[in-house]
Amino acid sequence: MYYGIGLEIPKLYVENIPKNQIGPILSISSIICFYLFLNKLIIKKHLGTFYIYIIIFIIDIICLALIRNRSGLLATFIIILFLSAFYYSYNKRTKQFITSALLVIFIILLVKPYIPKSIFSFFYNSFTANYDISNLDNLSAGRIKIYENAINFLSNNIFLGELNSSEYVPGIAHNYLLNKAVKYGLMGSFPLIFLYLYIVIFIFNTLLKQIKFGRIIELSILLIWQAIIISFFEYSYPYSPGGSQAISWFLLGQYLSRTFCQEKESSNERVCFIS
């Protein structure tokens, strides 16, 4: 039986919580809710669900902080800030809402300064509790040292990595590219690295096009971007764990299928396929 301690960040690391599986699901849920919330705000339809999305979003963010899934929380904050900035620039109604929200926060800060301070401390502790913030290696849970060991190992085993070496890197490099390079070397990991970089370039090219033309950002692109951000800190991402990443890749497939159909229709070719 497991139980929580309420809305309090545990000072010690809590075992038996699969936060690397649960965290990304909560992160994906929070991004989807925030995305749908902004779109409901634009079209002004079904405003009842508008409040439901906000409530679920807040619950997801709080749970992410409580289980201390720092990579998922960071990815969520980055994408939320990006979405807020984009919709603020391109939509008048969203600009009014965000401006009003900031004014309310400012007033609360003046009248009840302890409330924003408590919220900030809650998330700050989620990232830093029981870590030494003056020591980057300690703050990263020892990952910086492992990264250094991995890079030193690669300098002597650049082509095949551990495939052709009797020595091994102590610990696991929690970074997708570095982990694959250590395991297979540059020669063995080249297809994986090439695919990864292709996806990264595709994501940012698509985002830049949608920003340039003021289009609504595709949800699937945001979810894959979330997985890419997490892959800087977790070696299994952006492709696994399957349970937390399946919806992201499914939505990307739907987006690519729809884009393919639209391109064919625009060139008067009635060709389509189902992803």
Protein backbone atom coordinates (compact mmCIF):
# COMPACT_ATOMS: atom_id res chain seq x y z
CA MET A 1 0.00 0.00 0.00
CA TYR A 2 1.29 3.45 -0.93
CA TYR A 3 0.14 6.78 0.39
CA GLY A 4 1.12 10.40 -0.12
CA ILE A 5 2.01 13.13 2.35
CA GLY A 6 -0.26 15.77 0.83
CA LEU A 7 0.81 18.95 -0.95
CA GLU A 8 4.34 18.79 0.35
CA ILE A 9 7.56 18.12 -1.55
CA PRO A 10 9.35 15.16 0.11
CA LYS A 11 12.84 16.02 1.31
CA LEU A 12 14.10 12.50 0.65
CA TYR A 13 13.94 10.57 -2.62
CA VAL A 14 10.77 8.48 -2.65
CA GLU A 15 11.27 5.00 -4.08
CA ASN A 16 8.66 2.73 -5.67
CA ILE A 17 7.18 5.63 -7.66
CA PRO A 18 7.76 5.04 -11.41
CA LYS A 19 8.01 8.78 -12.02
CA ASN A 20 9.77 8.36 -15.38
CA GLN A 21 6.69 6.52 -16.65
CA ILE A 22 3.99 8.50 -14.82
CA GLY A 23 5.65 11.91 -15.19
CA PRO A 24 5.63 12.15 -19.00
CA ILE A 25 1.98 11.05 -19.11
CA LEU A 26 1.09 13.86 -16.68
CA SER A 27 3.24 16.23 -18.74
CA ILE A 28 1.47 15.23 -21.97
CA SER A 29 -1.92 15.59 -20.27
CA SER A 30 -1.07 19.07 -18.98
CA ILE A 31 0.16 20.22 -22.41
CA ILE A 32 -2.98 18.87 -24.12
CA CYS A 33 -5.26 20.57 -21.55
CA PHE A 34 -3.44 23.89 -21.84
CA TYR A 35 -3.53 23.67 -25.64
CA LEU A 36 -7.28 22.90 -25.69
CA PHE A 37 -7.89 25.61 -23.10
CA LEU A 38 -6.27 28.26 -25.34
CA ASN A 39 -8.18 27.04 -28.39
CA LYS A 40 -11.51 27.10 -26.51
CA LEU A 41 -10.63 30.64 -25.48
CA ILE A 42 -10.22 31.62 -29.13
CA ILE A 43 -13.38 30.07 -30.57
CA LYS A 44 -15.63 30.74 -27.52
CA LYS A 45 -17.48 27.44 -27.84
CA HIS A 46 -18.33 24.86 -25.17
CA LEU A 47 -17.03 27.10 -22.39
CA GLY A 48 -18.04 24.46 -19.83
CA THR A 49 -15.10 22.31 -20.92
CA PHE A 50 -12.94 25.45 -20.74
CA TYR A 51 -12.96 25.21 -16.92
CA ILE A 52 -12.52 21.45 -16.94
CA TYR A 53 -9.30 21.80 -18.95
CA ILE A 54 -7.97 24.38 -16.48
CA ILE A 55 -8.75 22.17 -13.47
CA ILE A 56 -7.12 19.08 -15.02
CA PHE A 57 -4.12 21.17 -16.08
CA ILE A 58 -3.58 22.45 -12.52
CA ILE A 59 -3.93 18.93 -11.07
CA ASP A 60 -1.40 17.55 -13.60
CA ILE A 61 1.14 20.27 -12.81
CA ILE A 62 0.79 19.76 -9.04
CA CYS A 63 1.19 15.98 -9.40
CA LEU A 64 4.27 16.45 -11.59
CA ALA A 65 5.82 18.60 -8.88
CA LEU A 66 4.86 16.18 -6.09
CA ILE A 67 6.47 13.14 -7.74
CA ARG A 68 9.42 15.38 -8.67
CA ASN A 69 9.58 14.46 -12.33
CA ARG A 70 11.88 17.36 -13.09
CA SER A 71 12.45 16.67 -16.79
CA GLY A 72 8.70 16.39 -17.45
CA LEU A 73 8.01 19.54 -15.45
CA LEU A 74 10.72 21.48 -17.30
CA ALA A 75 9.44 20.33 -20.71
CA THR A 76 5.90 21.33 -19.73
CA PHE A 77 6.94 24.80 -18.59
CA ILE A 78 8.95 25.42 -21.79
CA ILE A 79 6.04 24.46 -24.06
CA ILE A 80 3.48 26.38 -21.98
CA LEU A 81 5.62 29.53 -22.17
CA PHE A 82 6.03 29.04 -25.92
CA LEU A 83 2.28 28.57 -26.45
CA SER A 84 1.43 31.58 -24.27
CA ALA A 85 3.88 33.80 -26.17
CA PHE A 86 2.62 32.57 -29.56
CA TYR A 87 -1.09 33.04 -28.82
CA TYR A 88 -0.38 36.36 -27.09
CA SER A 89 1.24 37.64 -30.30
CA TYR A 90 -1.30 36.29 -32.78
CA ASN A 91 -4.69 36.35 -31.06
CA LYS A 92 -6.37 39.40 -29.54
CA ARG A 93 -8.68 37.45 -27.21
CA THR A 94 -5.81 35.41 -25.82
CA LYS A 95 -3.74 38.57 -25.39
CA GLN A 96 -6.55 40.10 -23.31
CA PHE A 97 -6.86 36.96 -21.17
CA ILE A 98 -3.11 36.65 -20.51
CA THR A 99 -2.84 40.38 -19.74
CA SER A 100 -5.76 40.12 -17.30
CA ALA A 101 -4.22 37.05 -15.66
CA LEU A 102 -0.90 38.86 -15.22
CA LEU A 103 -2.68 41.86 -13.68
CA VAL A 104 -4.52 39.59 -11.24
CA ILE A 105 -1.23 37.92 -10.28
CA PHE A 106 0.37 41.34 -9.78
CA ILE A 107 -2.50 42.48 -7.54
CA ILE A 108 -2.31 39.27 -5.51
CA LEU A 109 1.45 39.80 -5.19
CA LEU A 110 0.81 43.24 -3.72
CA VAL A 111 -2.07 42.26 -1.42
CA LYS A 112 -1.07 38.70 -0.43
CA PRO A 113 2.65 38.36 -1.23
CA TYR A 114 2.93 35.06 0.65
CA ILE A 115 0.65 33.26 -1.86
CA PRO A 116 2.91 33.65 -4.94
CA LYS A 117 5.91 33.03 -2.69
CA SER A 118 4.42 29.74 -1.48
CA ILE A 119 3.65 28.64 -5.04
CA PHE A 120 7.16 29.52 -6.18
CA SER A 121 8.69 27.67 -3.20
CA PHE A 122 6.56 24.61 -3.99
CA PHE A 123 7.95 24.29 -7.53
CA TYR A 124 11.44 25.42 -6.52
CA ASN A 125 11.60 22.63 -3.94
CA SER A 126 10.38 20.15 -6.53
CA PHE A 127 13.52 20.89 -8.55
CA THR A 128 16.06 21.45 -5.77
CA ALA A 129 14.97 19.78 -2.48
CA ASN A 130 17.79 17.66 -0.94
CA TYR A 131 20.18 18.84 -3.69
CA ASP A 132 23.09 21.27 -3.41
CA ILE A 133 22.20 24.05 -5.87
CA SER A 134 25.81 25.33 -5.80
CA ASN A 135 27.02 21.98 -7.16
CA LEU A 136 25.80 21.31 -10.71
CA ASP A 137 26.72 17.63 -10.55
CA ASN A 138 24.78 17.17 -7.32
CA LEU A 139 21.82 19.15 -8.68
CA SER A 140 21.77 16.86 -11.74
CA ALA A 141 21.78 13.75 -9.50
CA GLY A 142 25.35 12.88 -10.54
CA ARG A 143 24.66 13.00 -14.27
CA ILE A 144 27.24 15.67 -15.11
CA LYS A 145 30.04 13.41 -13.86
CA ILE A 146 28.67 10.51 -15.90
CA TYR A 147 28.49 12.76 -18.98
CA GLU A 148 32.16 13.66 -18.48
CA ASN A 149 33.10 9.98 -18.14
CA ALA A 150 31.08 9.15 -21.27
CA ILE A 151 32.79 11.88 -23.31
CA ASN A 152 36.23 10.75 -22.11
CA PHE A 153 35.33 7.18 -23.05
CA LEU A 154 34.19 8.27 -26.52
CA SER A 155 37.43 10.15 -27.12
CA ASN A 156 39.21 6.76 -27.04
CA ASN A 157 36.43 4.65 -28.59
CA ILE A 158 34.81 7.04 -31.03
CA PHE A 159 33.88 4.62 -33.82
CA LEU A 160 32.36 1.57 -32.08
CA GLY A 161 31.99 2.63 -28.45
CA GLU A 162 31.39 -0.26 -26.05
CA LEU A 163 31.02 -2.69 -28.98
CA ASN A 164 34.80 -2.78 -29.38
CA SER A 165 36.04 -2.01 -25.90
CA SER A 166 36.72 -3.96 -22.73
CA GLU A 167 36.09 -0.88 -20.57
CA TYR A 168 32.64 0.47 -19.83
CA VAL A 169 31.31 3.78 -18.66
CA PRO A 170 30.27 3.57 -15.00
CA GLY A 171 26.62 4.49 -14.73
CA ILE A 172 24.20 5.33 -17.54
CA ALA A 173 24.47 8.53 -19.58
CA HIS A 174 20.96 10.00 -19.24
CA ASN A 175 21.00 11.65 -22.64
CA TYR A 176 19.68 9.93 -25.76
CA LEU A 177 22.46 10.92 -28.18
CA LEU A 178 25.31 10.41 -25.72
CA ASN A 179 23.90 7.08 -24.53
CA LYS A 180 23.65 5.68 -28.06
CA ALA A 181 27.11 6.98 -29.00
CA VAL A 182 28.64 5.25 -25.97
CA LYS A 183 26.85 1.97 -26.65
CA TYR A 184 27.43 1.73 -30.40
CA GLY A 185 30.00 4.40 -31.29
CA LEU A 186 29.46 6.89 -34.08
CA MET A 187 29.41 4.19 -36.75
CA GLY A 188 26.89 1.97 -34.98
CA SER A 189 24.66 4.81 -33.77
CA PHE A 190 24.74 6.90 -36.96
CA PRO A 191 21.27 5.79 -38.20
CA LEU A 192 19.73 6.52 -34.78
CA ILE A 193 21.45 9.90 -34.49
CA PHE A 194 20.49 10.82 -38.07
CA LEU A 195 16.81 9.97 -37.44
CA TYR A 196 16.83 11.89 -34.15
CA LEU A 197 18.33 15.01 -35.74
CA TYR A 198 15.94 14.74 -38.69
CA ILE A 199 12.98 14.73 -36.28
CA VAL A 200 14.40 17.73 -34.38
CA ILE A 201 14.89 19.72 -37.61
CA PHE A 202 11.42 18.73 -38.84
CA ILE A 203 9.81 19.90 -35.59
CA PHE A 204 11.47 23.30 -35.60
CA ASN A 205 10.93 23.85 -39.33
CA THR A 206 7.22 23.08 -38.85
CA LEU A 207 6.98 25.38 -35.83
CA LEU A 208 8.71 28.22 -37.68
CA LYS A 209 6.34 27.87 -40.65
CA GLN A 210 3.27 27.87 -38.40
CA ILE A 211 4.58 30.91 -36.50
CA LYS A 212 5.42 32.75 -39.73
CA PHE A 213 1.92 32.31 -41.17
CA GLY A 214 0.14 32.76 -37.82
CA ARG A 215 -1.45 29.32 -37.95
CA ILE A 216 -2.66 27.31 -34.97
CA ILE A 217 0.24 25.22 -33.69
CA GLU A 218 -0.22 21.48 -34.24
CA LEU A 219 -0.64 19.57 -30.97
CA SER A 220 1.30 16.56 -32.28
CA ILE A 221 4.37 18.74 -32.95
CA LEU A 222 4.26 20.05 -29.38
CA LEU A 223 4.07 16.55 -27.90
CA ILE A 224 7.04 15.30 -29.93
CA TRP A 225 8.91 18.44 -28.90
CA GLN A 226 8.16 17.53 -25.28
CA ALA A 227 9.72 14.09 -25.82
CA ILE A 228 12.79 15.69 -27.43
CA ILE A 229 13.28 17.99 -24.43
CA ILE A 230 13.02 15.05 -22.02
CA SER A 231 15.52 13.08 -24.14
CA PHE A 232 18.22 15.54 -23.04
CA PHE A 233 17.82 14.16 -19.50
CA GLU A 234 16.44 10.62 -20.03
CA TYR A 235 18.16 8.19 -22.40
CA SER A 236 15.03 6.15 -23.28
CA TYR A 237 13.21 9.11 -24.82
CA PRO A 238 11.90 10.20 -27.35
CA TYR A 239 10.72 6.73 -28.43
CA SER A 240 9.96 5.03 -25.13
CA PRO A 241 8.53 4.10 -22.65
CA GLY A 242 5.83 3.09 -25.09
CA GLY A 243 2.97 3.63 -22.65
CA SER A 244 3.74 7.32 -22.28
CA GLN A 245 4.88 8.07 -25.83
CA ALA A 246 2.32 6.15 -27.93
CA ILE A 247 -0.17 9.02 -28.15
CA SER A 248 2.52 11.50 -29.25
CA TRP A 249 3.66 9.37 -32.18
CA PHE A 250 0.09 8.41 -33.09
CA LEU A 251 -0.89 12.08 -33.34
CA LEU A 252 2.23 12.84 -35.36
CA GLY A 253 1.26 10.08 -37.80
CA GLN A 254 -2.22 11.58 -38.13
CA TYR A 255 -0.73 15.02 -38.79
CA LEU A 256 1.66 13.70 -41.46
CA SER A 257 -1.17 11.74 -43.11
CA ARG A 258 -3.42 14.82 -43.17
CA THR A 259 -0.61 17.01 -44.53
CA PHE A 260 0.15 14.46 -47.25
CA CYS A 261 -3.51 14.40 -48.30
CA GLN A 262 -3.73 18.19 -48.40
CA GLU A 263 -0.61 18.46 -50.54
CA LYS A 264 -1.95 15.89 -53.00
CA GLU A 265 -5.35 17.58 -53.20
CA SER A 266 -3.74 20.95 -53.84
CA SER A 267 -1.92 19.46 -56.83
CA ASN A 268 -5.19 17.86 -58.08
CA GLU A 269 -4.03 14.36 -57.28
CA ARG A 270 -6.69 12.36 -55.46
CA VAL A 271 -4.22 10.17 -53.63
CA CYS A 272 -4.45 9.53 -49.93
CA PHE A 273 -3.44 6.95 -47.42
CA ILE A 274 -4.46 6.13 -43.87
CA SER A 275 -1.66 6.37 -41.32
